[in-house]
């Protein structure tokens, strides 16, 4: 079921990439990352934005708050969205941002704990 939903979203995003209309990702300046077709990026005077989707959740990483805000407004012009603010957890990965040090840390401790609980320590 998850892969079907993810596939549908990927197809929706892909159709926006391939269309040549006012609402397409092409018109918004996005390109598809060759290494991973579910990641899109663009570089503007506001900064660089990377966008990926898991099922129906967008994860946005940007070099500046202005670039992120502009992209979110553009997403709102395409779909009805809810901004859940800064990501703390996505697909089993805990995400921690330190804005002062300008660092991002990721951890899979929750997944590791789950695997140990399910299968026991080796």
PDB file of N, CA and C in Angstrom:
ATOM      1  N   UNK A   1       0.822  -1.196   0.000  1.00  0.00           N
ATOM      2  CA  UNK A   1       0.000   0.000   0.000  1.00  0.00           C
ATOM      3  C   UNK A   1       0.865   1.258   0.000  1.00  0.00           C
ATOM      4  N   UNK A   2       1.904   1.277   0.848  1.00  0.00           N
ATOM      5  CA  UNK A   2       2.760   2.451   0.895  1.00  0.00           C
ATOM      6  C   UNK A   2       3.438   2.675  -0.439  1.00  0.00           C
ATOM      7  N   UNK A   3       3.966   1.603  -1.033  1.00  0.00           N
ATOM      8  CA  UNK A   3       4.649   1.785  -2.306  1.00  0.00           C
ATOM      9  C   UNK A   3       3.693   2.240  -3.395  1.00  0.00           C
ATOM     10  N   UNK A   4       2.423   1.861  -3.330  1.00  0.00           N
ATOM     11  CA  UNK A   4       1.440   2.338  -4.301  1.00  0.00           C
ATOM     12  C   UNK A   4       1.220   3.831  -4.138  1.00  0.00           C
ATOM     13  N   UNK A   5       1.042   4.288  -2.905  1.00  0.00           N
ATOM     14  CA  UNK A   5       0.852   5.716  -2.654  1.00  0.00           C
ATOM     15  C   UNK A   5       2.091   6.502  -3.054  1.00  0.00           C
ATOM     16  N   UNK A   6       3.258   5.996  -2.700  1.00  0.00           N
ATOM     17  CA  UNK A   6       4.495   6.669  -3.064  1.00  0.00           C
ATOM     18  C   UNK A   6       4.638   6.729  -4.577  1.00  0.00           C
ATOM     19  N   UNK A   7       4.297   5.653  -5.237  1.00  0.00           N
ATOM     20  CA  UNK A   7       4.370   5.605  -6.687  1.00  0.00           C
ATOM     21  C   UNK A   7       3.430   6.619  -7.326  1.00  0.00           C
ATOM     22  N   UNK A   8       2.215   6.746  -6.778  1.00  0.00           N
ATOM     23  CA  UNK A   8       1.266   7.730  -7.306  1.00  0.00           C
ATOM     24  C   UNK A   8       1.788   9.150  -7.142  1.00  0.00           C
ATOM     25  N   UNK A   9       2.375   9.448  -5.971  1.00  0.00           N
ATOM     26  CA  UNK A   9       2.938  10.776  -5.775  1.00  0.00           C
ATOM     27  C   UNK A   9       4.104  11.001  -6.717  1.00  0.00           C
ATOM     28  N   UNK A  10       4.952   9.983  -6.894  1.00  0.00           N
ATOM     29  CA  UNK A  10       6.072  10.119  -7.826  1.00  0.00           C
ATOM     30  C   UNK A  10       5.553  10.395  -9.233  1.00  0.00           C
ATOM     31  N   UNK A  11       4.510   9.685  -9.651  1.00  0.00           N
ATOM     32  CA  UNK A  11       3.924   9.914 -10.970  1.00  0.00           C
ATOM     33  C   UNK A  11       3.353  11.327 -11.079  1.00  0.00           C
ATOM     34  N   UNK A  12       2.707  11.807  -9.995  1.00  0.00           N
ATOM     35  CA  UNK A  12       2.175  13.172  -9.993  1.00  0.00           C
ATOM     36  C   UNK A  12       3.300  14.177 -10.144  1.00  0.00           C
ATOM     37  N   UNK A  13       4.355  14.021  -9.349  1.00  0.00           N
ATOM     38  CA  UNK A  13       5.494  14.930  -9.466  1.00  0.00           C
ATOM     39  C   UNK A  13       6.129  14.835 -10.848  1.00  0.00           C
ATOM     40  N   UNK A  14       6.264  13.607 -11.348  1.00  0.00           N
ATOM     41  CA  UNK A  14       6.860  13.422 -12.665  1.00  0.00           C
ATOM     42  C   UNK A  14       6.030  14.125 -13.730  1.00  0.00           C
ATOM     43  N   UNK A  15       4.713  14.056 -13.622  1.00  0.00           N
ATOM     44  CA  UNK A  15       3.869  14.722 -14.614  1.00  0.00           C
ATOM     45  C   UNK A  15       4.057  16.234 -14.555  1.00  0.00           C
ATOM     46  N   UNK A  16       4.264  16.770 -13.354  1.00  0.00           N
ATOM     47  CA  UNK A  16       4.541  18.210 -13.254  1.00  0.00           C
ATOM     48  C   UNK A  16       5.890  18.542 -13.868  1.00  0.00           C
ATOM     49  N   UNK A  17       6.860  17.648 -13.724  1.00  0.00           N
ATOM     50  CA  UNK A  17       8.160  17.876 -14.350  1.00  0.00           C
ATOM     51  C   UNK A  17       8.061  17.898 -15.864  1.00  0.00           C
ATOM     52  N   UNK A  18       7.257  17.006 -16.415  1.00  0.00           N
ATOM     53  CA  UNK A  18       7.209  16.845 -17.854  1.00  0.00           C
ATOM     54  C   UNK A  18       6.287  17.838 -18.549  1.00  0.00           C
ATOM     55  N   UNK A  19       5.342  18.415 -17.829  1.00  0.00           N
ATOM     56  CA  UNK A  19       4.413  19.357 -18.435  1.00  0.00           C
ATOM     57  C   UNK A  19       5.112  20.675 -18.713  1.00  0.00           C
ATOM     58  N   UNK A  20       4.597  21.392 -19.673  1.00  0.00           N
ATOM     59  CA  UNK A  20       5.102  22.726 -19.965  1.00  0.00           C
ATOM     60  C   UNK A  20       3.952  23.708 -19.784  1.00  0.00           C
ATOM     61  N   UNK A  21       3.527  23.870 -18.544  1.00  0.00           N
ATOM     62  CA  UNK A  21       2.464  24.820 -18.256  1.00  0.00           C
ATOM     63  C   UNK A  21       2.882  25.697 -17.084  1.00  0.00           C
ATOM     64  N   UNK A  22       2.065  26.647 -16.734  1.00  0.00           N
ATOM     65  CA  UNK A  22       2.423  27.643 -15.730  1.00  0.00           C
ATOM     66  C   UNK A  22       2.637  27.044 -14.347  1.00  0.00           C
ATOM     67  N   UNK A  23       2.067  25.861 -14.068  1.00  0.00           N
ATOM     68  CA  UNK A  23       2.195  25.278 -12.735  1.00  0.00           C
ATOM     69  C   UNK A  23       3.218  24.152 -12.659  1.00  0.00           C
ATOM     70  N   UNK A  24       3.953  23.908 -13.699  1.00  0.00           N
ATOM     71  CA  UNK A  24       4.859  22.760 -13.688  1.00  0.00           C
ATOM     72  C   UNK A  24       6.126  23.052 -12.893  1.00  0.00           C
ATOM     73  N   UNK A  25       6.765  21.974 -12.408  1.00  0.00           N
ATOM     74  CA  UNK A  25       8.046  22.113 -11.727  1.00  0.00           C
ATOM     75  C   UNK A  25       9.077  22.737 -12.658  1.00  0.00           C
ATOM     76  N   UNK A  26       8.982  22.441 -13.952  1.00  0.00           N
ATOM     77  CA  UNK A  26       9.901  23.025 -14.919  1.00  0.00           C
ATOM     78  C   UNK A  26       9.787  24.546 -14.872  1.00  0.00           C
ATOM     79  N   UNK A  27       8.568  25.048 -14.873  1.00  0.00           N
ATOM     80  CA  UNK A  27       8.357  26.493 -14.800  1.00  0.00           C
ATOM     81  C   UNK A  27       8.797  27.056 -13.454  1.00  0.00           C
ATOM     82  N   UNK A  28       8.753  26.220 -12.405  1.00  0.00           N
ATOM     83  CA  UNK A  28       9.204  26.666 -11.089  1.00  0.00           C
ATOM     84  C   UNK A  28      10.723  26.568 -10.955  1.00  0.00           C
ATOM     85  N   UNK A  29      11.385  26.044 -11.983  1.00  0.00           N
ATOM     86  CA  UNK A  29      12.846  26.004 -11.997  1.00  0.00           C
ATOM     87  C   UNK A  29      13.468  24.755 -11.390  1.00  0.00           C
ATOM     88  N   UNK A  30      12.679  23.700 -11.180  1.00  0.00           N
ATOM     89  CA  UNK A  30      13.207  22.481 -10.560  1.00  0.00           C
ATOM     90  C   UNK A  30      13.745  21.513 -11.596  1.00  0.00           C
ATOM     91  N   UNK A  31      14.746  20.773 -11.176  1.00  0.00           N
ATOM     92  CA  UNK A  31      15.314  19.701 -11.979  1.00  0.00           C
ATOM     93  C   UNK A  31      15.291  18.440 -11.137  1.00  0.00           C
ATOM     94  N   UNK A  32      15.208  17.307 -11.809  1.00  0.00           N
ATOM     95  CA  UNK A  32      15.200  16.018 -11.124  1.00  0.00           C
ATOM     96  C   UNK A  32      16.641  15.575 -10.909  1.00  0.00           C
ATOM     97  N   UNK A  33      16.940  15.103  -9.706  1.00  0.00           N
ATOM     98  CA  UNK A  33      18.274  14.609  -9.399  1.00  0.00           C
ATOM     99  C   UNK A  33      18.466  13.284 -10.124  1.00  0.00           C
ATOM    100  N   UNK A  34      19.546  13.151 -10.857  1.00  0.00           N
ATOM    101  CA  UNK A  34      19.786  11.922 -11.621  1.00  0.00           C
ATOM    102  C   UNK A  34      19.992  10.707 -10.710  1.00  0.00           C
ATOM    103  N   UNK A  35      20.642  10.905  -9.565  1.00  0.00           N
ATOM    104  CA  UNK A  35      20.942   9.790  -8.663  1.00  0.00           C
ATOM    105  C   UNK A  35      19.705   9.249  -7.958  1.00  0.00           C
ATOM    106  N   UNK A  36      18.676  10.089  -7.797  1.00  0.00           N
ATOM    107  CA  UNK A  36      17.450   9.660  -7.114  1.00  0.00           C
ATOM    108  C   UNK A  36      16.273  10.410  -7.726  1.00  0.00           C
ATOM    109  N   UNK A  37      15.434   9.733  -8.519  1.00  0.00           N
ATOM    110  CA  UNK A  37      14.352  10.408  -9.232  1.00  0.00           C
ATOM    111  C   UNK A  37      13.245  10.969  -8.341  1.00  0.00           C
ATOM    112  N   UNK A  38      13.295  10.695  -7.033  1.00  0.00           N
ATOM    113  CA  UNK A  38      12.302  11.258  -6.117  1.00  0.00           C
ATOM    114  C   UNK A  38      12.788  12.550  -5.470  1.00  0.00           C
ATOM    115  N   UNK A  39      13.957  13.029  -5.861  1.00  0.00           N
ATOM    116  CA  UNK A  39      14.500  14.276  -5.316  1.00  0.00           C
ATOM    117  C   UNK A  39      14.583  15.306  -6.435  1.00  0.00           C
ATOM    118  N   UNK A  40      14.074  16.490  -6.134  1.00  0.00           N
ATOM    119  CA  UNK A  40      14.086  17.606  -7.074  1.00  0.00           C
ATOM    120  C   UNK A  40      14.862  18.751  -6.444  1.00  0.00           C
ATOM    121  N   UNK A  41      15.484  19.587  -7.266  1.00  0.00           N
ATOM    122  CA  UNK A  41      16.243  20.706  -6.729  1.00  0.00           C
ATOM    123  C   UNK A  41      16.159  21.901  -7.668  1.00  0.00           C
ATOM    124  N   UNK A  42      16.420  23.067  -7.087  1.00  0.00           N
ATOM    125  CA  UNK A  42      16.563  24.264  -7.897  1.00  0.00           C
ATOM    126  C   UNK A  42      17.459  25.246  -7.162  1.00  0.00           C
ATOM    127  N   UNK A  43      18.091  26.099  -7.945  1.00  0.00           N
ATOM    128  CA  UNK A  43      18.949  27.144  -7.414  1.00  0.00           C
ATOM    129  C   UNK A  43      18.396  28.471  -7.921  1.00  0.00           C
ATOM    130  N   UNK A  44      18.088  29.383  -6.994  1.00  0.00           N
ATOM    131  CA  UNK A  44      17.606  30.721  -7.356  1.00  0.00           C
ATOM    132  C   UNK A  44      18.413  31.756  -6.579  1.00  0.00           C
ATOM    133  N   UNK A  45      18.096  33.009  -6.800  1.00  0.00           N
ATOM    134  CA  UNK A  45      18.774  34.067  -6.047  1.00  0.00           C
ATOM    135  C   UNK A  45      18.448  34.001  -4.558  1.00  0.00           C
ATOM    136  N   UNK A  46      17.336  33.328  -4.202  1.00  0.00           N
ATOM    137  CA  UNK A  46      16.969  33.173  -2.794  1.00  0.00           C
ATOM    138  C   UNK A  46      17.743  32.050  -2.112  1.00  0.00           C
ATOM    139  N   UNK A  47      18.276  31.115  -2.896  1.00  0.00           N
ATOM    140  CA  UNK A  47      19.016  29.986  -2.341  1.00  0.00           C
ATOM    141  C   UNK A  47      18.711  28.702  -3.080  1.00  0.00           C
ATOM    142  N   UNK A  48      19.216  27.607  -2.554  1.00  0.00           N
ATOM    143  CA  UNK A  48      19.031  26.279  -3.139  1.00  0.00           C
ATOM    144  C   UNK A  48      17.980  25.524  -2.325  1.00  0.00           C
ATOM    145  N   UNK A  49      17.096  24.834  -3.040  1.00  0.00           N
ATOM    146  CA  UNK A  49      16.055  24.031  -2.394  1.00  0.00           C
ATOM    147  C   UNK A  49      16.128  22.611  -2.938  1.00  0.00           C
ATOM    148  N   UNK A  50      16.103  21.628  -2.030  1.00  0.00           N
ATOM    149  CA  UNK A  50      15.935  20.230  -2.387  1.00  0.00           C
ATOM    150  C   UNK A  50      14.585  19.793  -1.843  1.00  0.00           C
ATOM    151  N   UNK A  51      13.840  19.053  -2.644  1.00  0.00           N
ATOM    152  CA  UNK A  51      12.524  18.571  -2.218  1.00  0.00           C
ATOM    153  C   UNK A  51      12.430  17.085  -2.538  1.00  0.00           C
ATOM    154  N   UNK A  52      11.944  16.332  -1.570  1.00  0.00           N
ATOM    155  CA  UNK A  52      11.682  14.918  -1.796  1.00  0.00           C
ATOM    156  C   UNK A  52      10.333  14.586  -1.190  1.00  0.00           C
ATOM    157  N   UNK A  53       9.804  13.459  -1.571  1.00  0.00           N
ATOM    158  CA  UNK A  53       8.480  13.081  -1.073  1.00  0.00           C
ATOM    159  C   UNK A  53       8.511  11.632  -0.636  1.00  0.00           C
ATOM    160  N   UNK A  54       7.859  11.370   0.487  1.00  0.00           N
ATOM    161  CA  UNK A  54       7.652   9.996   0.957  1.00  0.00           C
ATOM    162  C   UNK A  54       6.157   9.851   1.185  1.00  0.00           C
ATOM    163  N   UNK A  55       5.524   9.032   0.394  1.00  0.00           N
ATOM    164  CA  UNK A  55       4.077   8.864   0.366  1.00  0.00           C
ATOM    165  C   UNK A  55       3.469  10.227   0.049  1.00  0.00           C
ATOM    166  N   UNK A  56       2.897  10.932   1.039  1.00  0.00           N
ATOM    167  CA  UNK A  56       2.338  12.253   0.752  1.00  0.00           C
ATOM    168  C   UNK A  56       2.994  13.332   1.616  1.00  0.00           C
ATOM    169  N   UNK A  57       4.193  13.062   2.106  1.00  0.00           N
ATOM    170  CA  UNK A  57       4.929  14.023   2.922  1.00  0.00           C
ATOM    171  C   UNK A  57       6.117  14.566   2.141  1.00  0.00           C
ATOM    172  N   UNK A  58       6.146  15.879   1.990  1.00  0.00           N
ATOM    173  CA  UNK A  58       7.292  16.533   1.375  1.00  0.00           C
ATOM    174  C   UNK A  58       8.312  16.849   2.447  1.00  0.00           C
ATOM    175  N   UNK A  59       9.575  16.644   2.138  1.00  0.00           N
ATOM    176  CA  UNK A  59      10.662  17.058   3.003  1.00  0.00           C
ATOM    177  C   UNK A  59      11.458  18.077   2.196  1.00  0.00           C
ATOM    178  N   UNK A  60      11.618  19.252   2.780  1.00  0.00           N
ATOM    179  CA  UNK A  60      12.287  20.354   2.088  1.00  0.00           C
ATOM    180  C   UNK A  60      13.558  20.705   2.840  1.00  0.00           C
ATOM    181  N   UNK A  61      14.646  20.821   2.119  1.00  0.00           N
ATOM    182  CA  UNK A  61      15.906  21.289   2.676  1.00  0.00           C
ATOM    183  C   UNK A  61      16.319  22.478   1.828  1.00  0.00           C
ATOM    184  N   UNK A  62      16.619  23.588   2.491  1.00  0.00           N
ATOM    185  CA  UNK A  62      17.008  24.769   1.729  1.00  0.00           C
ATOM    186  C   UNK A  62      18.205  25.456   2.376  1.00  0.00           C
ATOM    187  N   UNK A  63      18.900  26.218   1.569  1.00  0.00           N
ATOM    188  CA  UNK A  63      20.075  26.929   2.074  1.00  0.00           C
ATOM    189  C   UNK A  63      19.703  28.211   2.811  1.00  0.00           C
ATOM    190  N   UNK A  64      18.474  28.703   2.589  1.00  0.00           N
ATOM    191  CA  UNK A  64      18.026  29.915   3.276  1.00  0.00           C
ATOM    192  C   UNK A  64      16.549  29.792   3.641  1.00  0.00           C
ATOM    193  N   UNK A  65      16.117  30.476   4.705  1.00  0.00           N
ATOM    194  CA  UNK A  65      14.691  30.477   5.045  1.00  0.00           C
ATOM    195  C   UNK A  65      13.832  31.083   3.934  1.00  0.00           C
ATOM    196  N   UNK A  66      14.345  32.087   3.242  1.00  0.00           N
ATOM    197  CA  UNK A  66      13.575  32.714   2.156  1.00  0.00           C
ATOM    198  C   UNK A  66      13.310  31.743   1.015  1.00  0.00           C
ATOM    199  N   UNK A  67      14.302  30.925   0.677  1.00  0.00           N
ATOM    200  CA  UNK A  67      14.122  29.938  -0.389  1.00  0.00           C
ATOM    201  C   UNK A  67      13.064  28.922   0.013  1.00  0.00           C
ATOM    202  N   UNK A  68      13.080  28.509   1.268  1.00  0.00           N
ATOM    203  CA  UNK A  68      12.093  27.557   1.775  1.00  0.00           C
ATOM    204  C   UNK A  68      10.691  28.161   1.748  1.00  0.00           C
ATOM    205  N   UNK A  69      10.560  29.386   2.234  1.00  0.00           N
ATOM    206  CA  UNK A  69       9.242  30.052   2.244  1.00  0.00           C
ATOM    207  C   UNK A  69       8.682  30.202   0.832  1.00  0.00           C
ATOM    208  N   UNK A  70       9.534  30.603  -0.102  1.00  0.00           N
ATOM    209  CA  UNK A  70       9.077  30.784  -1.486  1.00  0.00           C
ATOM    210  C   UNK A  70       8.585  29.457  -2.062  1.00  0.00           C
ATOM    211  N   UNK A  71       9.319  28.376  -1.803  1.00  0.00           N
ATOM    212  CA  UNK A  71       8.909  27.077  -2.323  1.00  0.00           C
ATOM    213  C   UNK A  71       7.588  26.627  -1.713  1.00  0.00           C
ATOM    214  N   UNK A  72       7.428  26.830  -0.417  1.00  0.00           N
ATOM    215  CA  UNK A  72       6.179  26.440   0.241  1.00  0.00           C
ATOM    216  C   UNK A  72       4.995  27.196  -0.356  1.00  0.00           C
ATOM    217  N   UNK A  73       5.178  28.467  -0.665  1.00  0.00           N
ATOM    218  CA  UNK A  73       4.105  29.238  -1.297  1.00  0.00           C
ATOM    219  C   UNK A  73       3.780  28.683  -2.681  1.00  0.00           C
ATOM    220  N   UNK A  74       4.804  28.264  -3.408  1.00  0.00           N
ATOM    221  CA  UNK A  74       4.571  27.675  -4.722  1.00  0.00           C
ATOM    222  C   UNK A  74       3.860  26.331  -4.609  1.00  0.00           C
ATOM    223  N   UNK A  75       4.216  25.527  -3.593  1.00  0.00           N
ATOM    224  CA  UNK A  75       3.503  24.267  -3.374  1.00  0.00           C
ATOM    225  C   UNK A  75       2.028  24.524  -3.096  1.00  0.00           C
ATOM    226  N   UNK A  76       1.750  25.577  -2.327  1.00  0.00           N
ATOM    227  CA  UNK A  76       0.365  25.926  -2.020  1.00  0.00           C
ATOM    228  C   UNK A  76      -0.418  26.286  -3.282  1.00  0.00           C
ATOM    229  N   UNK A  77       0.277  26.771  -4.299  1.00  0.00           N
ATOM    230  CA  UNK A  77      -0.412  27.089  -5.554  1.00  0.00           C
ATOM    231  C   UNK A  77      -0.733  25.823  -6.353  1.00  0.00           C
ATOM    232  N   UNK A  78      -0.051  24.708  -6.045  1.00  0.00           N
ATOM    233  CA  UNK A  78      -0.276  23.443  -6.752  1.00  0.00           C
ATOM    234  C   UNK A  78      -1.243  22.529  -6.011  1.00  0.00           C
ATOM    235  N   UNK A  79      -1.095  22.450  -4.694  1.00  0.00           N
ATOM    236  CA  UNK A  79      -1.876  21.537  -3.872  1.00  0.00           C
ATOM    237  C   UNK A  79      -2.275  22.224  -2.573  1.00  0.00           C
ATOM    238  N   UNK A  80      -3.239  21.652  -1.889  1.00  0.00           N
ATOM    239  CA  UNK A  80      -3.558  22.073  -0.535  1.00  0.00           C
ATOM    240  C   UNK A  80      -2.553  21.382   0.383  1.00  0.00           C
ATOM    241  N   UNK A  81      -1.773  22.172   1.121  1.00  0.00           N
ATOM    242  CA  UNK A  81      -0.731  21.584   1.958  1.00  0.00           C
ATOM    243  C   UNK A  81      -0.855  22.082   3.396  1.00  0.00           C
ATOM    244  N   UNK A  82      -0.251  21.339   4.293  1.00  0.00           N
ATOM    245  CA  UNK A  82      -0.111  21.746   5.685  1.00  0.00           C
ATOM    246  C   UNK A  82       1.382  21.844   5.970  1.00  0.00           C
ATOM    247  N   UNK A  83       1.811  22.961   6.509  1.00  0.00           N
ATOM    248  CA  UNK A  83       3.213  23.129   6.872  1.00  0.00           C
ATOM    249  C   UNK A  83       3.382  22.660   8.306  1.00  0.00           C
ATOM    250  N   UNK A  84       4.072  21.553   8.491  1.00  0.00           N
ATOM    251  CA  UNK A  84       4.277  20.988   9.817  1.00  0.00           C
ATOM    252  C   UNK A  84       5.565  21.492  10.456  1.00  0.00           C
ATOM    253  N   UNK A  85       6.166  22.498   9.852  1.00  0.00           N
ATOM    254  CA  UNK A  85       7.364  23.150  10.361  1.00  0.00           C
ATOM    255  C   UNK A  85       8.579  22.250  10.196  1.00  0.00           C
ATOM    256  N   UNK A  86       9.553  22.416  11.075  1.00  0.00           N
ATOM    257  CA  UNK A  86      10.814  21.709  10.945  1.00  0.00           C
ATOM    258  C   UNK A  86      10.646  20.206  11.188  1.00  0.00           C
ATOM    259  N   UNK A  87      11.235  19.418  10.312  1.00  0.00           N
ATOM    260  CA  UNK A  87      11.141  17.956  10.436  1.00  0.00           C
ATOM    261  C   UNK A  87      11.974  17.464  11.606  1.00  0.00           C
ATOM    262  N   UNK A  88      11.388  16.589  12.414  1.00  0.00           N
ATOM    263  CA  UNK A  88      12.095  15.961  13.536  1.00  0.00           C
ATOM    264  C   UNK A  88      12.231  14.462  13.339  1.00  0.00           C
ATOM    265  N   UNK A  89      11.355  13.882  12.509  1.00  0.00           N
ATOM    266  CA  UNK A  89      11.335  12.441  12.309  1.00  0.00           C
ATOM    267  C   UNK A  89      10.788  12.154  10.921  1.00  0.00           C
ATOM    268  N   UNK A  90      11.478  11.337  10.153  1.00  0.00           N
ATOM    269  CA  UNK A  90      11.016  11.005   8.799  1.00  0.00           C
ATOM    270  C   UNK A  90      11.519   9.616   8.447  1.00  0.00           C
ATOM    271  N   UNK A  91      10.609   8.766   7.990  1.00  0.00           N
ATOM    272  CA  UNK A  91      10.882   7.385   7.575  1.00  0.00           C
ATOM    273  C   UNK A  91      11.835   6.650   8.516  1.00  0.00           C
ATOM    274  N   UNK A  92      11.585   6.779   9.813  1.00  0.00           N
ATOM    275  CA  UNK A  92      12.373   6.055  10.800  1.00  0.00           C
ATOM    276  C   UNK A  92      13.677   6.715  11.190  1.00  0.00           C
ATOM    277  N   UNK A  93      13.902   7.930  10.723  1.00  0.00           N
ATOM    278  CA  UNK A  93      15.147   8.641  11.020  1.00  0.00           C
ATOM    279  C   UNK A  93      14.821   9.872  11.855  1.00  0.00           C
ATOM    280  N   UNK A  94      15.519  10.020  12.986  1.00  0.00           N
ATOM    281  CA  UNK A  94      15.386  11.213  13.812  1.00  0.00           C
ATOM    282  C   UNK A  94      16.303  12.293  13.246  1.00  0.00           C
ATOM    283  N   UNK A  95      15.763  13.503  13.095  1.00  0.00           N
ATOM    284  CA  UNK A  95      16.499  14.625  12.512  1.00  0.00           C
ATOM    285  C   UNK A  95      16.639  15.714  13.570  1.00  0.00           C
ATOM    286  N   UNK A  96      17.874  16.157  13.813  1.00  0.00           N
ATOM    287  CA  UNK A  96      18.139  17.231  14.764  1.00  0.00           C
ATOM    288  C   UNK A  96      18.908  18.339  14.062  1.00  0.00           C
ATOM    289  N   UNK A  97      18.410  19.568  14.206  1.00  0.00           N
ATOM    290  CA  UNK A  97      19.072  20.720  13.591  1.00  0.00           C
ATOM    291  C   UNK A  97      19.600  21.647  14.674  1.00  0.00           C
ATOM    292  N   UNK A  98      20.845  22.067  14.532  1.00  0.00           N
ATOM    293  CA  UNK A  98      21.435  23.066  15.408  1.00  0.00           C
ATOM    294  C   UNK A  98      21.681  24.295  14.540  1.00  0.00           C
ATOM    295  N   UNK A  99      20.780  25.259  14.646  1.00  0.00           N
ATOM    296  CA  UNK A  99      20.856  26.433  13.786  1.00  0.00           C
ATOM    297  C   UNK A  99      22.061  27.308  14.114  1.00  0.00           C
ATOM    298  N   UNK A 100      22.470  27.339  15.362  1.00  0.00           N
ATOM    299  CA  UNK A 100      23.621  28.158  15.745  1.00  0.00           C
ATOM    300  C   UNK A 100      24.899  27.612  15.113  1.00  0.00           C
ATOM    301  N   UNK A 101      25.099  26.289  15.224  1.00  0.00           N
ATOM    302  CA  UNK A 101      26.289  25.659  14.644  1.00  0.00           C
ATOM    303  C   UNK A 101      26.133  25.333  13.168  1.00  0.00           C
ATOM    304  N   UNK A 102      24.891  25.511  12.649  1.00  0.00           N
ATOM    305  CA  UNK A 102      24.577  25.220  11.242  1.00  0.00           C
ATOM    306  C   UNK A 102      24.878  23.759  10.908  1.00  0.00           C
ATOM    307  N   UNK A 103      24.367  22.854  11.773  1.00  0.00           N
ATOM    308  CA  UNK A 103      24.573  21.427  11.552  1.00  0.00           C
ATOM    309  C   UNK A 103      23.243  20.684  11.559  1.00  0.00           C
ATOM    310  N   UNK A 104      23.227  19.564  10.895  1.00  0.00           N
ATOM    311  CA  UNK A 104      22.085  18.654  10.893  1.00  0.00           C
ATOM    312  C   UNK A 104      22.619  17.280  11.278  1.00  0.00           C
ATOM    313  N   UNK A 105      21.965  16.642  12.228  1.00  0.00           N
ATOM    314  CA  UNK A 105      22.343  15.292  12.653  1.00  0.00           C
ATOM    315  C   UNK A 105      21.167  14.364  12.401  1.00  0.00           C
ATOM    316  N   UNK A 106      21.472  13.154  11.973  1.00  0.00           N
ATOM    317  CA  UNK A 106      20.430  12.145  11.791  1.00  0.00           C
ATOM    318  C   UNK A 106      20.799  10.908  12.593  1.00  0.00           C
ATOM    319  N   UNK A 107      19.776  10.202  13.055  1.00  0.00           N
ATOM    320  CA  UNK A 107      19.993   9.021  13.883  1.00  0.00           C
ATOM    321  C   UNK A 107      18.911   7.992  13.598  1.00  0.00           C
ATOM    322  N   UNK A 108      19.298   6.741  13.615  1.00  0.00           N
ATOM    323  CA  UNK A 108      18.341   5.658  13.450  1.00  0.00           C
ATOM    324  C   UNK A 108      18.204   4.848  14.733  1.00  0.00           C
ATOM    325  N   UNK A 109      18.435   5.470  15.861  1.00  0.00           N
ATOM    326  CA  UNK A 109      18.347   4.789  17.147  1.00  0.00           C
ATOM    327  C   UNK A 109      16.993   4.125  17.349  1.00  0.00           C
ATOM    328  N   UNK A 110      15.923   4.805  16.966  1.00  0.00           N
ATOM    329  CA  UNK A 110      14.585   4.240  17.134  1.00  0.00           C
ATOM    330  C   UNK A 110      14.446   2.941  16.356  1.00  0.00           C
ATOM    331  N   UNK A 111      14.926   2.909  15.135  1.00  0.00           N
ATOM    332  CA  UNK A 111      14.868   1.692  14.321  1.00  0.00           C
ATOM    333  C   UNK A 111      15.739   0.597  14.936  1.00  0.00           C
ATOM    334  N   UNK A 112      16.929   0.960  15.371  1.00  0.00           N
ATOM    335  CA  UNK A 112      17.824  -0.022  15.978  1.00  0.00           C
ATOM    336  C   UNK A 112      17.189  -0.616  17.224  1.00  0.00           C
ATOM    337  N   UNK A 113      16.611   0.238  18.067  1.00  0.00           N
ATOM    338  CA  UNK A 113      15.932  -0.254  19.271  1.00  0.00           C
ATOM    339  C   UNK A 113      14.790  -1.204  18.915  1.00  0.00           C
ATOM    340  N   UNK A 114      14.039  -0.857  17.867  1.00  0.00           N
ATOM    341  CA  UNK A 114      12.927  -1.712  17.434  1.00  0.00           C
ATOM    342  C   UNK A 114      13.432  -3.084  16.956  1.00  0.00           C
ATOM    343  N   UNK A 115      14.501  -3.081  16.178  1.00  0.00           N
ATOM    344  CA  UNK A 115      15.059  -4.340  15.664  1.00  0.00           C
ATOM    345  C   UNK A 115      15.577  -5.199  16.812  1.00  0.00           C
ATOM    346  N   UNK A 116      16.254  -4.583  17.774  1.00  0.00           N
ATOM    347  CA  UNK A 116      16.763  -5.333  18.935  1.00  0.00           C
ATOM    348  C   UNK A 116      15.609  -5.903  19.744  1.00  0.00           C
ATOM    349  N   UNK A 117      14.556  -5.100  19.914  1.00  0.00           N
ATOM    350  CA  UNK A 117      13.393  -5.575  20.673  1.00  0.00           C
ATOM    351  C   UNK A 117      12.716  -6.735  19.935  1.00  0.00           C
ATOM    352  N   UNK A 118      12.639  -6.662  18.626  1.00  0.00           N
ATOM    353  CA  UNK A 118      11.954  -7.688  17.852  1.00  0.00           C
ATOM    354  C   UNK A 118      12.783  -8.966  17.745  1.00  0.00           C
ATOM    355  N   UNK A 119      14.082  -8.839  17.514  1.00  0.00           N
ATOM    356  CA  UNK A 119      14.912 -10.019  17.260  1.00  0.00           C
ATOM    357  C   UNK A 119      15.881 -10.345  18.386  1.00  0.00           C
ATOM    358  N   UNK A 120      16.034  -9.437  19.341  1.00  0.00           N
ATOM    359  CA  UNK A 120      16.945  -9.651  20.451  1.00  0.00           C
ATOM    360  C   UNK A 120      18.365  -9.277  20.070  1.00  0.00           C
ATOM    361  N   UNK A 121      19.200  -9.039  21.099  1.00  0.00           N
ATOM    362  CA  UNK A 121      20.614  -8.719  20.795  1.00  0.00           C
ATOM    363  C   UNK A 121      21.314  -9.965  20.261  1.00  0.00           C
ATOM    364  N   UNK A 122      22.311  -9.754  19.441  1.00  0.00           N
ATOM    365  CA  UNK A 122      23.019 -10.911  18.838  1.00  0.00           C
ATOM    366  C   UNK A 122      23.971 -11.560  19.784  1.00  0.00           C
TER     367      UNK A 122
END
